[in-house]
Amino acid sequence: MNKMVLPWLTAALLASTGGVFAAGELTYVVNNESAQYDPGTTAETFAAPIIGNAFEGLVRLSPEGEVLPALADSWEISEDGLTYTFKLREAKWSDGEPVKASDFVYAWKRVLDPATGAMNSQMLYHIVGAEEAYGGADAGAIAIAAPDDKTLTFTLKQRVPYMLQLLNYPTFYPVREDIVSASPDGWTRDPATFIGTGPFRVTEFNQGESVVFEKNPNYYAADEVSLDKLTFRLIPDPATALAAMEAGDVDGIEAVPAPEIPRLSVESDAFLIVPALGTTYAFFNPAQPPLDNIHVRKALSMAIDRSEIIEFVLQSADTPALGLVPPGMSLGGEDYTDGRDTFGLSEMADVEGARAELAEAGYPDGEGFPETLYVTYSSPPIEKLLEAIQQMWKENLNIDVQIQATEWQVFYPEVQRVEYQIAQMGWGADYPHPMTFLDNFVTGSANNLAAWSNPEYDAEIEAAKAASDEAVSRDHMRAAEAILMNDHVILPQYHRYNYMMMSPKVTGFWRSPLNVPYFRDAEITE
């Protein structure tokens, strides 16, 4: 593959077959539809394109990863690194109402109300009183305040070196109390009530088909937004999306079929490889037999050939995953993953080792292995991946595991209820720091979809957050990851890259390693 991998900071770009453009209009294909687009409650990657273009928070990130002013035009951090004071600019909501500091106070306290069902409440636990409030204490003790309409302050329990980057995540975006309280369950599905703060505003929600935006005339930097219309068109099958791209019917697609990657990398100026801070893995449910036996979990993980999956099934430039946290994040002067243990796993299948583990579990040569179901969401590439893993388990362990694929809206709630034996998932970073992966496995985390709990793990994560020295914090995180991985709660498969296409007539577009496509500065040129 000779197509250069674009660093995420410059994925701002080039590319394509050259479709037919209407002035100021762009159509981008997404392969999955989210269940809901509430920035305060969702943790779904599939919601990111919509939320990332309809909302902004206090800050935003540049393509180079620099923290830039957004709804706040300035801020100060106290000498001890604990108290943050933000000054809001004269910004408006997409319906013309002024953005107030109290909107942030409402939004953040709403996330910290368990009744809201927010998936990333723990992100706010850095703030004094936040975790206690989530546990039932007085919400008035949360150290968030709006002294006036244009000033927002909050105080942390300890220094958080990545706090500004964290503020770019949707959980920290403001939402309007009058809008949300009027329709708590429906406001994000109606263009009339999906009121945001970003460069675009939704004009149509066409379930199963598309989401249509127009330029937000009330955006504080509306004069910097070139596109008049932006359409996210839903095409679940990447092969169908590619056909639409090559026919000139759409201007960009978020994913290309794996078998086409070698051809497109040579032939197409539209083809882009964008690094992603993401790991694809499956959850083992340690409460469900036979996955309640660690030797079974380890055998299943040891028996798959990750290199073969990448080279022949995915046909991609992804890298084999032997742990949870992907490479690409530097702490204490070195990549977090440098020198990390392999936890008894290898890039190629360790067939003998896997068979020994299965025998230790009481299933020699697979004899007596009970009926086991591996569930996933409907996605042709993912289903192909699981079929390959299924075949490896049959050949290497002599066991039969069934695969069941359902639509995301059916699959995900079942996984949230931990009603599965093995479930295909994964995680893409919410912010560029290992904690975005590790925090998910703390006891009680809404994203701990295996309901796994280990006090030693929790203690290491707490120590990592409390450490002021970055290297010390890194070491505690590595210790925590080792506890998780040595218990084989997840089946790590690969660390991801994104393979997409965008017309070379589109400039200023970029896609972050957090998987958000940004169209704020996109322009169509001849």
Protein backbone atom coordinates (compact mmCIF):
# COMPACT_ATOMS: atom_id res chain seq x y z
CA MET A 1 0.00 0.00 0.00
CA ASN A 2 1.73 3.17 -1.13
CA LYS A 3 -0.87 5.72 -0.11
CA MET A 4 0.64 7.91 2.59
CA VAL A 5 -1.05 7.79 5.96
CA LEU A 6 -2.22 11.29 6.77
CA PRO A 7 -1.47 12.54 10.26
CA TRP A 8 -4.73 13.50 11.94
CA LEU A 9 -3.67 17.09 12.10
CA THR A 10 -3.58 17.38 8.32
CA ALA A 11 -6.46 15.15 7.42
CA ALA A 12 -7.79 18.44 6.13
CA LEU A 13 -7.58 17.71 2.66
CA LEU A 14 -7.66 16.21 -0.67
CA ALA A 15 -9.25 13.48 -2.54
CA SER A 16 -11.50 12.06 -5.23
CA THR A 17 -13.32 11.01 -8.19
CA GLY A 18 -14.74 14.51 -8.52
CA GLY A 19 -18.48 14.46 -8.03
CA VAL A 20 -20.99 16.99 -9.23
CA PHE A 21 -21.29 19.80 -6.70
CA ALA A 22 -24.01 22.29 -6.02
CA ALA A 23 -22.52 25.53 -4.77
CA GLY A 24 -22.09 25.40 -1.03
CA GLU A 25 -23.70 21.96 -0.68
CA LEU A 26 -21.93 18.78 0.44
CA THR A 27 -23.12 15.21 0.99
CA TYR A 28 -21.17 12.87 3.28
CA VAL A 29 -22.02 9.21 3.77
CA VAL A 30 -22.20 7.64 7.23
CA ASN A 31 -22.69 3.89 7.69
CA ASN A 32 -24.57 3.84 10.99
CA GLU A 33 -27.40 5.77 12.61
CA SER A 34 -27.39 6.64 16.29
CA ALA A 35 -30.26 5.98 18.65
CA GLN A 36 -30.14 9.55 19.96
CA TYR A 37 -28.11 12.76 19.68
CA ASP A 38 -28.16 14.20 23.19
CA PRO A 39 -24.61 15.53 23.77
CA GLY A 40 -24.95 15.19 27.53
CA THR A 41 -26.07 11.58 27.62
CA THR A 42 -24.74 9.66 24.63
CA ALA A 43 -21.46 7.77 24.33
CA GLU A 44 -22.18 6.47 20.83
CA THR A 45 -19.55 7.03 18.16
CA PHE A 46 -22.34 7.03 15.58
CA ALA A 47 -23.72 10.25 17.08
CA ALA A 48 -20.41 12.09 16.75
CA PRO A 49 -20.86 13.48 13.20
CA ILE A 50 -24.19 15.06 14.11
CA ILE A 51 -23.28 16.44 17.52
CA GLY A 52 -19.81 17.58 16.42
CA ASN A 53 -21.25 19.87 13.76
CA ALA A 54 -24.37 21.07 15.60
CA PHE A 55 -22.71 21.90 18.93
CA GLU A 56 -19.63 23.52 20.38
CA GLY A 57 -18.53 23.88 23.98
CA LEU A 58 -16.22 26.22 25.83
CA VAL A 59 -13.29 25.24 23.59
CA ARG A 60 -12.67 23.38 20.36
CA LEU A 61 -9.63 21.66 18.88
CA SER A 62 -7.73 22.68 15.78
CA PRO A 63 -6.61 20.08 13.22
CA GLU A 64 -3.21 20.26 14.91
CA GLY A 65 -4.73 19.37 18.28
CA GLU A 66 -4.39 22.88 19.71
CA VAL A 67 -7.06 24.03 22.15
CA LEU A 68 -8.89 27.03 20.66
CA PRO A 69 -11.51 29.40 22.09
CA ALA A 70 -15.08 28.51 21.17
CA LEU A 71 -18.05 29.70 23.26
CA ALA A 72 -15.46 30.99 25.72
CA ASP A 73 -13.08 33.55 24.29
CA SER A 74 -10.70 33.47 27.28
CA TRP A 75 -9.96 31.59 30.48
CA GLU A 76 -7.74 31.58 33.53
CA ILE A 77 -6.44 28.69 35.64
CA SER A 78 -5.46 29.25 39.27
CA GLU A 79 -1.85 28.74 40.35
CA ASP A 80 -2.67 25.45 42.04
CA GLY A 81 -4.27 24.22 38.79
CA LEU A 82 -7.63 23.58 40.41
CA THR A 83 -9.93 26.50 39.64
CA TYR A 84 -10.89 27.37 36.05
CA THR A 85 -12.63 30.63 35.13
CA PHE A 86 -14.06 31.04 31.64
CA LYS A 87 -15.36 34.22 30.04
CA LEU A 88 -18.04 33.60 27.43
CA ARG A 89 -18.18 35.51 24.18
CA GLU A 90 -21.39 37.08 22.85
CA ALA A 91 -22.60 33.77 21.43
CA LYS A 92 -26.11 32.66 20.54
CA TRP A 93 -28.01 29.43 20.31
CA SER A 94 -29.15 28.39 16.85
CA ASP A 95 -32.60 29.88 17.59
CA GLY A 96 -31.05 33.26 18.42
CA GLU A 97 -31.24 33.09 22.22
CA PRO A 98 -28.05 34.17 24.04
CA VAL A 99 -25.73 31.49 25.42
CA LYS A 100 -25.39 31.95 29.19
CA ALA A 101 -23.00 30.54 31.75
CA SER A 102 -26.04 29.11 33.54
CA ASP A 103 -26.64 26.88 30.50
CA PHE A 104 -23.40 25.08 31.32
CA VAL A 105 -24.30 24.79 35.00
CA TYR A 106 -27.64 23.24 34.09
CA ALA A 107 -26.12 20.90 31.50
CA TRP A 108 -23.36 19.60 33.76
CA LYS A 109 -25.62 19.09 36.77
CA ARG A 110 -28.08 17.30 34.51
CA VAL A 111 -25.31 14.86 33.52
CA LEU A 112 -24.64 14.28 37.22
CA ASP A 113 -28.26 13.33 37.92
CA PRO A 114 -28.47 9.52 37.67
CA ALA A 115 -32.05 9.81 36.46
CA THR A 116 -30.76 11.42 33.26
CA GLY A 117 -28.99 8.22 32.22
CA ALA A 118 -25.83 9.95 30.99
CA MET A 119 -23.22 7.48 29.78
CA ASN A 120 -20.18 9.60 30.64
CA SER A 121 -21.04 11.11 34.01
CA GLN A 122 -17.64 10.03 35.33
CA MET A 123 -15.97 12.61 33.10
CA LEU A 124 -17.28 15.25 35.49
CA TYR A 125 -16.08 13.47 38.61
CA HIS A 126 -12.91 15.58 38.50
CA ILE A 127 -15.02 18.47 39.81
CA VAL A 128 -15.42 18.90 43.57
CA GLY A 129 -18.72 17.42 44.75
CA ALA A 130 -19.61 15.88 41.38
CA GLU A 131 -19.13 12.21 42.18
CA GLU A 132 -20.87 12.64 45.51
CA ALA A 133 -23.83 14.31 43.82
CA TYR A 134 -24.13 11.41 41.39
CA GLY A 135 -24.25 9.13 44.42
CA GLY A 136 -27.14 11.08 45.94
CA ALA A 137 -25.48 13.97 47.81
CA ASP A 138 -26.60 17.60 47.50
CA ALA A 139 -26.12 18.82 43.92
CA GLY A 140 -25.70 22.31 45.33
CA ALA A 141 -22.28 21.26 46.62
CA ILE A 142 -20.93 20.70 43.10
CA ALA A 143 -18.19 23.28 42.55
CA ILE A 144 -19.67 24.78 39.37
CA ALA A 145 -20.94 28.35 39.36
CA ALA A 146 -22.12 31.13 37.06
CA PRO A 147 -21.42 34.43 38.88
CA ASP A 148 -22.95 36.22 35.90
CA ASP A 149 -24.22 35.41 32.42
CA LYS A 150 -20.73 35.52 30.90
CA THR A 151 -18.62 33.89 33.64
CA LEU A 152 -18.34 30.19 34.39
CA THR A 153 -16.14 28.75 37.12
CA PHE A 154 -15.44 25.25 38.39
CA THR A 155 -12.96 23.71 40.83
CA LEU A 156 -11.26 20.33 40.49
CA LYS A 157 -10.40 17.82 43.22
CA GLN A 158 -6.87 17.52 41.84
CA ARG A 159 -4.92 18.74 38.84
CA VAL A 160 -6.05 17.28 35.52
CA PRO A 161 -3.41 18.03 32.88
CA TYR A 162 -5.80 17.19 30.04
CA MET A 163 -8.80 19.15 31.39
CA LEU A 164 -8.94 21.63 28.50
CA GLN A 165 -8.92 18.80 25.94
CA LEU A 166 -11.63 17.06 27.95
CA LEU A 167 -13.86 20.14 27.70
CA ASN A 168 -14.11 19.57 23.95
CA TYR A 169 -16.08 16.36 24.56
CA PRO A 170 -19.90 16.60 24.10
CA THR A 171 -20.60 15.69 27.73
CA PHE A 172 -19.35 19.21 28.57
CA TYR A 173 -21.44 20.98 25.93
CA PRO A 174 -24.27 23.22 27.10
CA VAL A 175 -27.91 22.35 26.56
CA ARG A 176 -30.96 24.57 27.12
CA GLU A 177 -33.09 23.83 30.16
CA ASP A 178 -36.30 25.15 28.58
CA ILE A 179 -35.81 22.95 25.51
CA VAL A 180 -34.82 19.77 27.35
CA SER A 181 -37.43 20.02 30.11
CA ALA A 182 -40.21 20.51 27.56
CA SER A 183 -39.37 17.22 25.81
CA PRO A 184 -36.69 15.22 27.67
CA ASP A 185 -36.92 12.22 25.37
CA GLY A 186 -37.77 13.86 22.06
CA TRP A 187 -35.89 17.15 21.78
CA THR A 188 -32.97 15.65 19.84
CA ARG A 189 -35.23 14.11 17.19
CA ASP A 190 -37.07 17.26 16.14
CA PRO A 191 -35.25 19.94 14.11
CA ALA A 192 -37.41 22.58 15.79
CA THR A 193 -36.06 21.65 19.23
CA PHE A 194 -32.58 20.37 18.39
CA ILE A 195 -31.12 23.73 19.36
CA GLY A 196 -27.32 23.85 19.27
CA THR A 197 -24.34 26.17 19.36
CA GLY A 198 -22.32 24.89 16.41
CA PRO A 199 -21.67 26.02 12.84
CA PHE A 200 -24.67 24.12 11.46
CA ARG A 201 -28.25 23.50 12.52
CA VAL A 202 -30.44 20.52 11.61
CA THR A 203 -33.33 21.10 9.22
CA GLU A 204 -34.35 17.46 8.68
CA PHE A 205 -34.15 14.18 10.60
CA ASN A 206 -35.06 11.48 8.07
CA GLN A 207 -34.83 8.27 10.07
CA GLY A 208 -33.08 5.52 8.16
CA GLU A 209 -32.09 7.92 5.39
CA SER A 210 -30.31 11.16 6.30
CA VAL A 211 -29.78 14.14 8.55
CA VAL A 212 -29.76 17.50 6.76
CA PHE A 213 -28.11 20.69 8.04
CA GLU A 214 -28.01 24.28 6.98
CA LYS A 215 -25.47 26.91 7.95
CA ASN A 216 -26.33 28.30 11.40
CA PRO A 217 -26.77 32.07 10.90
CA ASN A 218 -26.54 32.60 14.67
CA TYR A 219 -23.16 30.89 15.02
CA TYR A 220 -20.62 33.32 16.51
CA ALA A 221 -18.28 32.76 13.53
CA ALA A 222 -20.91 32.32 10.82
CA ASP A 223 -18.88 34.43 8.41
CA GLU A 224 -16.17 31.73 8.52
CA VAL A 225 -18.57 28.94 7.48
CA SER A 226 -18.68 28.36 3.73
CA LEU A 227 -21.18 25.52 3.30
CA ASP A 228 -24.85 26.44 2.99
CA LYS A 229 -26.10 22.86 3.20
CA LEU A 230 -24.59 19.69 4.67
CA THR A 231 -26.21 16.27 4.36
CA PHE A 232 -25.21 13.13 6.25
CA ARG A 233 -26.62 10.34 4.10
CA LEU A 234 -27.06 6.90 5.68
CA ILE A 235 -25.74 4.01 3.57
CA PRO A 236 -25.02 1.00 5.82
CA ASP A 237 -23.11 -1.02 3.23
CA PRO A 238 -19.64 0.45 2.49
CA ALA A 239 -19.64 -1.14 -0.98
CA THR A 240 -22.85 0.70 -1.87
CA ALA A 241 -21.39 3.90 -0.44
CA LEU A 242 -18.26 3.49 -2.56
CA ALA A 243 -20.38 2.97 -5.67
CA ALA A 244 -22.20 6.24 -4.91
CA MET A 245 -18.85 7.98 -4.41
CA GLU A 246 -17.36 6.73 -7.65
CA ALA A 247 -20.55 7.63 -9.52
CA GLY A 248 -20.23 11.21 -8.24
CA ASP A 249 -23.50 11.02 -6.28
CA VAL A 250 -21.85 11.94 -2.98
CA ASP A 251 -18.80 14.00 -2.04
CA GLY A 252 -17.32 11.90 0.75
CA ILE A 253 -17.74 8.57 2.53
CA GLU A 254 -16.66 7.74 6.06
CA ALA A 255 -15.51 4.19 5.27
CA VAL A 256 -14.47 2.08 2.29
CA PRO A 257 -14.80 -1.70 1.89
CA ALA A 258 -11.67 -3.49 3.08
CA PRO A 259 -11.10 -5.38 -0.22
CA GLU A 260 -11.01 -2.06 -2.08
CA ILE A 261 -8.30 -0.49 0.10
CA PRO A 262 -5.33 -1.73 -2.00
CA ARG A 263 -6.90 -0.52 -5.26
CA LEU A 264 -8.03 2.84 -3.92
CA SER A 265 -4.66 3.52 -2.27
CA VAL A 266 -3.09 3.40 -5.73
CA GLU A 267 -5.82 4.73 -8.01
CA SER A 268 -7.78 7.37 -6.13
CA ASP A 269 -6.79 10.86 -5.05
CA ALA A 270 -9.93 10.74 -2.90
CA PHE A 271 -8.65 7.95 -0.67
CA LEU A 272 -7.52 8.96 2.82
CA ILE A 273 -6.03 7.03 5.71
CA VAL A 274 -6.71 8.84 8.97
CA PRO A 275 -5.17 7.55 12.22
CA ALA A 276 -7.73 6.82 14.92
CA LEU A 277 -7.27 6.46 18.66
CA GLY A 278 -9.46 3.41 18.82
CA THR A 279 -9.41 -0.26 19.78
CA THR A 280 -11.83 -2.87 18.49
CA TYR A 281 -12.52 -5.65 20.98
CA ALA A 282 -15.22 -7.94 22.33
CA PHE A 283 -16.53 -8.09 25.87
CA PHE A 284 -16.52 -11.41 27.69
CA ASN A 285 -19.31 -11.56 30.26
CA PRO A 286 -17.60 -13.01 33.35
CA ALA A 287 -20.99 -13.72 34.95
CA GLN A 288 -22.12 -16.03 32.13
CA PRO A 289 -20.86 -19.59 31.67
CA PRO A 290 -18.59 -20.66 30.10
CA LEU A 291 -17.06 -17.15 30.14
CA ASP A 292 -17.09 -17.16 33.94
CA ASN A 293 -13.93 -19.29 33.71
CA ILE A 294 -10.77 -17.21 33.14
CA HIS A 295 -9.12 -20.12 31.34
CA VAL A 296 -11.93 -20.10 28.76
CA ARG A 297 -11.56 -16.36 28.26
CA LYS A 298 -7.80 -16.65 27.86
CA ALA A 299 -8.09 -19.62 25.49
CA LEU A 300 -10.49 -17.75 23.21
CA SER A 301 -8.16 -14.75 23.08
CA MET A 302 -5.00 -16.82 22.51
CA ALA A 303 -6.62 -18.83 19.71
CA ILE A 304 -7.17 -16.00 17.25
CA ASP A 305 -4.58 -14.84 14.71
CA ARG A 306 -4.73 -11.06 14.79
CA SER A 307 -2.16 -10.62 12.00
CA GLU A 308 -4.17 -12.86 9.68
CA ILE A 309 -7.34 -10.94 10.52
CA ILE A 310 -5.72 -7.65 9.55
CA GLU A 311 -3.94 -8.88 6.42
CA PHE A 312 -6.53 -11.18 4.90
CA VAL A 313 -9.89 -10.33 6.48
CA LEU A 314 -9.71 -6.58 7.06
CA GLN A 315 -7.03 -6.05 4.38
CA SER A 316 -6.08 -2.91 6.23
CA ALA A 317 -3.20 -1.01 7.82
CA ASP A 318 -4.64 -1.55 11.29
CA THR A 319 -2.35 -2.99 13.96
CA PRO A 320 -2.89 -6.09 16.13
CA ALA A 321 -4.21 -5.27 19.61
CA LEU A 322 -2.82 -7.14 22.60
CA GLY A 323 -4.08 -4.59 25.12
CA LEU A 324 -6.84 -2.06 25.65
CA VAL A 325 -5.07 1.27 25.08
CA PRO A 326 -3.90 2.04 21.52
CA PRO A 327 -0.53 3.60 20.67
CA GLY A 328 -0.27 7.29 19.84
CA MET A 329 -0.53 9.00 23.24
CA SER A 330 2.64 10.29 24.89
CA LEU A 331 3.00 10.55 28.66
CA GLY A 332 6.13 11.27 30.65
CA GLY A 333 8.17 11.56 27.48
CA GLU A 334 7.25 8.19 25.98
CA ASP A 335 4.34 6.51 24.25
CA TYR A 336 2.04 4.99 26.83
CA THR A 337 2.27 1.58 25.13
CA ASP A 338 6.09 1.43 24.92
CA GLY A 339 7.33 -1.67 26.72
CA ARG A 340 3.85 -2.79 27.68
CA ASP A 341 3.31 -6.45 28.58
CA THR A 342 1.52 -8.73 26.09
CA PHE A 343 -0.61 -10.39 28.81
CA GLY A 344 0.01 -13.87 27.42
CA LEU A 345 -1.26 -12.89 23.96
CA SER A 346 0.51 -12.70 20.61
CA GLU A 347 -0.17 -11.30 17.16
CA MET A 348 -0.42 -14.83 15.75
CA ALA A 349 -2.50 -17.59 17.30
CA ASP A 350 -0.85 -19.59 20.09
CA VAL A 351 -2.75 -22.77 19.33
CA GLU A 352 -0.99 -25.05 21.81
CA GLY A 353 -1.25 -22.50 24.60
CA ALA A 354 -4.92 -21.91 23.86
CA ARG A 355 -5.69 -25.64 23.86
CA ALA A 356 -3.92 -26.02 27.21
CA GLU A 357 -6.00 -23.22 28.70
CA LEU A 358 -9.23 -24.77 27.39
CA ALA A 359 -8.24 -28.14 28.83
CA GLU A 360 -7.51 -26.46 32.17
CA ALA A 361 -11.06 -25.11 32.05
CA GLY A 362 -12.39 -28.66 31.69
CA TYR A 363 -12.94 -28.80 27.93
CA PRO A 364 -10.07 -30.85 26.47
CA ASP A 365 -10.09 -30.64 22.67
CA GLY A 366 -13.35 -28.72 23.01
CA GLU A 367 -15.24 -31.68 24.49
CA GLY A 368 -18.37 -30.63 26.33
CA PHE A 369 -18.01 -26.95 25.48
CA PRO A 370 -21.47 -25.46 26.06
CA GLU A 371 -23.58 -23.50 23.61
CA THR A 372 -22.11 -20.02 23.29
CA LEU A 373 -23.43 -16.98 21.44
CA TYR A 374 -21.35 -14.08 20.12
CA VAL A 375 -23.58 -11.05 19.48
CA THR A 376 -22.82 -8.06 17.30
CA TYR A 377 -24.44 -5.11 15.58
CA SER A 378 -25.35 -5.42 11.91
CA SER A 379 -22.31 -4.38 9.88
CA PRO A 380 -20.96 -6.36 6.91
CA PRO A 381 -17.26 -5.75 7.76
CA ILE A 382 -17.75 -6.62 11.44
CA GLU A 383 -19.79 -9.72 10.62
CA LYS A 384 -17.02 -10.85 8.26
CA LEU A 385 -14.50 -10.32 11.08
CA LEU A 386 -16.57 -12.40 13.50
CA GLU A 387 -16.97 -15.20 10.98
CA ALA A 388 -13.18 -15.37 10.70
CA ILE A 389 -12.83 -15.53 14.49
CA GLN A 390 -15.56 -18.18 14.61
CA GLN A 391 -13.61 -20.29 12.11
CA MET A 392 -10.35 -19.87 14.06
CA TRP A 393 -12.05 -21.10 17.24
CA LYS A 394 -13.38 -24.11 15.35
CA GLU A 395 -10.02 -24.99 13.80
CA ASN A 396 -7.82 -24.23 16.80
CA LEU A 397 -10.05 -25.23 19.73
CA ASN A 398 -12.66 -27.54 18.13
CA ILE A 399 -15.54 -25.48 19.53
CA ASP A 400 -18.63 -24.05 17.86
CA VAL A 401 -19.62 -20.50 18.72
CA GLN A 402 -22.73 -19.04 17.11
CA ILE A 403 -22.95 -15.48 15.78
CA GLN A 404 -26.03 -13.29 16.03
CA ALA A 405 -26.22 -9.86 14.37
CA THR A 406 -29.00 -7.36 15.08
CA GLU A 407 -29.56 -3.68 14.40
CA TRP A 408 -27.69 -1.32 16.73
CA GLN A 409 -30.90 -0.09 18.35
CA VAL A 410 -31.66 -3.68 19.43
CA PHE A 411 -28.11 -4.84 20.10
CA TYR A 412 -26.80 -1.98 22.22
CA PRO A 413 -29.51 -1.94 24.92
CA GLU A 414 -28.95 -5.67 25.46
CA VAL A 415 -25.24 -5.10 25.88
CA GLN A 416 -25.91 -2.25 28.31
CA ARG A 417 -27.98 -4.67 30.38
CA VAL A 418 -25.09 -7.18 30.17
CA GLU A 419 -27.44 -9.72 28.63
CA TYR A 420 -24.89 -11.58 26.50
CA GLN A 421 -22.05 -14.10 26.61
CA ILE A 422 -19.68 -12.42 24.13
CA ALA A 423 -20.44 -9.01 22.62
CA GLN A 424 -18.58 -7.16 19.88
CA MET A 425 -17.78 -3.58 20.79
CA GLY A 426 -14.71 -1.36 21.01
CA TRP A 427 -13.88 2.17 22.04
CA GLY A 428 -12.71 5.32 20.32
CA ALA A 429 -11.02 7.97 22.42
CA ASP A 430 -13.16 10.82 23.71
CA TYR A 431 -10.02 12.82 24.43
CA PRO A 432 -6.35 12.12 23.59
CA HIS A 433 -5.33 10.47 26.87
CA PRO A 434 -5.21 6.79 28.02
CA MET A 435 -7.73 7.51 30.77
CA THR A 436 -10.49 7.73 28.17
CA PHE A 437 -10.10 3.95 27.76
CA LEU A 438 -9.21 2.97 31.31
CA ASP A 439 -11.94 4.93 33.09
CA ASN A 440 -14.57 2.77 31.41
CA PHE A 441 -13.67 -0.25 33.53
CA VAL A 442 -13.91 1.39 36.94
CA THR A 443 -16.58 -0.24 39.10
CA GLY A 444 -19.97 1.23 38.28
CA SER A 445 -18.95 3.08 35.11
CA ALA A 446 -21.85 3.33 32.66
CA ASN A 447 -19.47 2.13 29.94
CA ASN A 448 -18.30 -0.90 31.95
CA LEU A 449 -20.41 -3.14 29.74
CA ALA A 450 -19.05 -6.34 31.27
CA ALA A 451 -20.09 -5.21 34.77
CA TRP A 452 -16.55 -6.17 35.81
CA SER A 453 -15.26 -4.97 39.16
CA ASN A 454 -11.83 -5.12 40.77
CA PRO A 455 -10.90 -2.98 43.82
CA GLU A 456 -7.19 -3.07 42.92
CA TYR A 457 -7.99 -1.73 39.47
CA ASP A 458 -10.12 1.04 40.94
CA ALA A 459 -7.30 1.97 43.34
CA GLU A 460 -4.72 2.19 40.56
CA ILE A 461 -7.00 4.44 38.50
CA GLU A 462 -7.59 6.69 41.50
CA ALA A 463 -3.84 6.89 42.13
CA ALA A 464 -3.23 7.75 38.47
CA LYS A 465 -5.69 10.64 38.68
CA ALA A 466 -4.19 11.93 41.92
CA ALA A 467 -0.56 11.87 40.76
CA SER A 468 0.83 15.27 39.79
CA ASP A 469 3.83 13.71 38.02
CA GLU A 470 2.88 12.51 34.54
CA ALA A 471 5.28 9.56 34.59
CA VAL A 472 3.94 8.38 37.95
CA SER A 473 0.39 8.69 36.66
CA ARG A 474 1.35 6.70 33.55
CA ASP A 475 2.80 3.89 35.68
CA HIS A 476 -0.42 3.61 37.71
CA MET A 477 -2.45 3.46 34.50
CA ARG A 478 -0.20 0.72 33.13
CA ALA A 479 -0.67 -1.23 36.37
CA ALA A 480 -4.44 -0.87 36.07
CA GLU A 481 -4.46 -2.01 32.47
CA ALA A 482 -2.41 -5.08 33.45
CA ILE A 483 -5.02 -6.04 36.06
CA LEU A 484 -7.79 -5.78 33.46
CA MET A 485 -5.93 -7.58 30.70
CA ASN A 486 -4.62 -10.39 32.91
CA ASP A 487 -8.23 -11.11 33.84
CA HIS A 488 -9.06 -11.31 30.10
CA VAL A 489 -12.32 -9.42 30.39
CA ILE A 490 -11.99 -8.24 26.81
CA LEU A 491 -10.88 -9.91 23.59
CA PRO A 492 -8.60 -7.29 21.98
CA GLN A 493 -8.60 -7.50 18.19
CA TYR A 494 -6.99 -4.48 16.51
CA HIS A 495 -6.11 -0.81 16.89
CA ARG A 496 -7.89 1.15 14.21
CA TYR A 497 -7.23 3.45 11.32
CA ASN A 498 -10.04 5.12 9.41
CA TYR A 499 -10.18 4.59 5.65
CA MET A 500 -12.36 7.14 3.93
CA MET A 501 -12.78 9.27 0.82
CA MET A 502 -13.31 12.97 0.27
CA SER A 503 -13.40 14.85 -3.02
CA PRO A 504 -10.27 16.92 -3.78
CA LYS A 505 -12.64 19.79 -4.44
CA VAL A 506 -13.28 19.92 -0.70
CA THR A 507 -10.70 21.80 1.35
CA GLY A 508 -10.68 22.66 5.05
CA PHE A 509 -12.38 19.42 6.05
CA TRP A 510 -10.70 17.31 8.70
CA ARG A 511 -11.49 14.19 10.69
CA SER A 512 -10.09 13.91 14.18
CA PRO A 513 -8.58 10.74 15.65
CA LEU A 514 -11.62 10.84 17.93
CA ASN A 515 -13.68 10.05 14.80
CA VAL A 516 -15.46 13.38 14.41
CA PRO A 517 -15.67 14.80 10.86
CA TYR A 518 -15.54 18.59 11.06
CA PHE A 519 -17.11 20.71 8.31
CA ARG A 520 -16.86 24.14 9.99
CA ASP A 521 -14.05 25.26 7.67
CA ALA A 522 -14.89 23.07 4.67
CA GLU A 523 -15.03 24.77 1.28
CA ILE A 524 -15.81 23.52 -2.21
CA THR A 525 -13.33 24.70 -4.81
CA GLU A 526 -13.19 24.20 -8.55
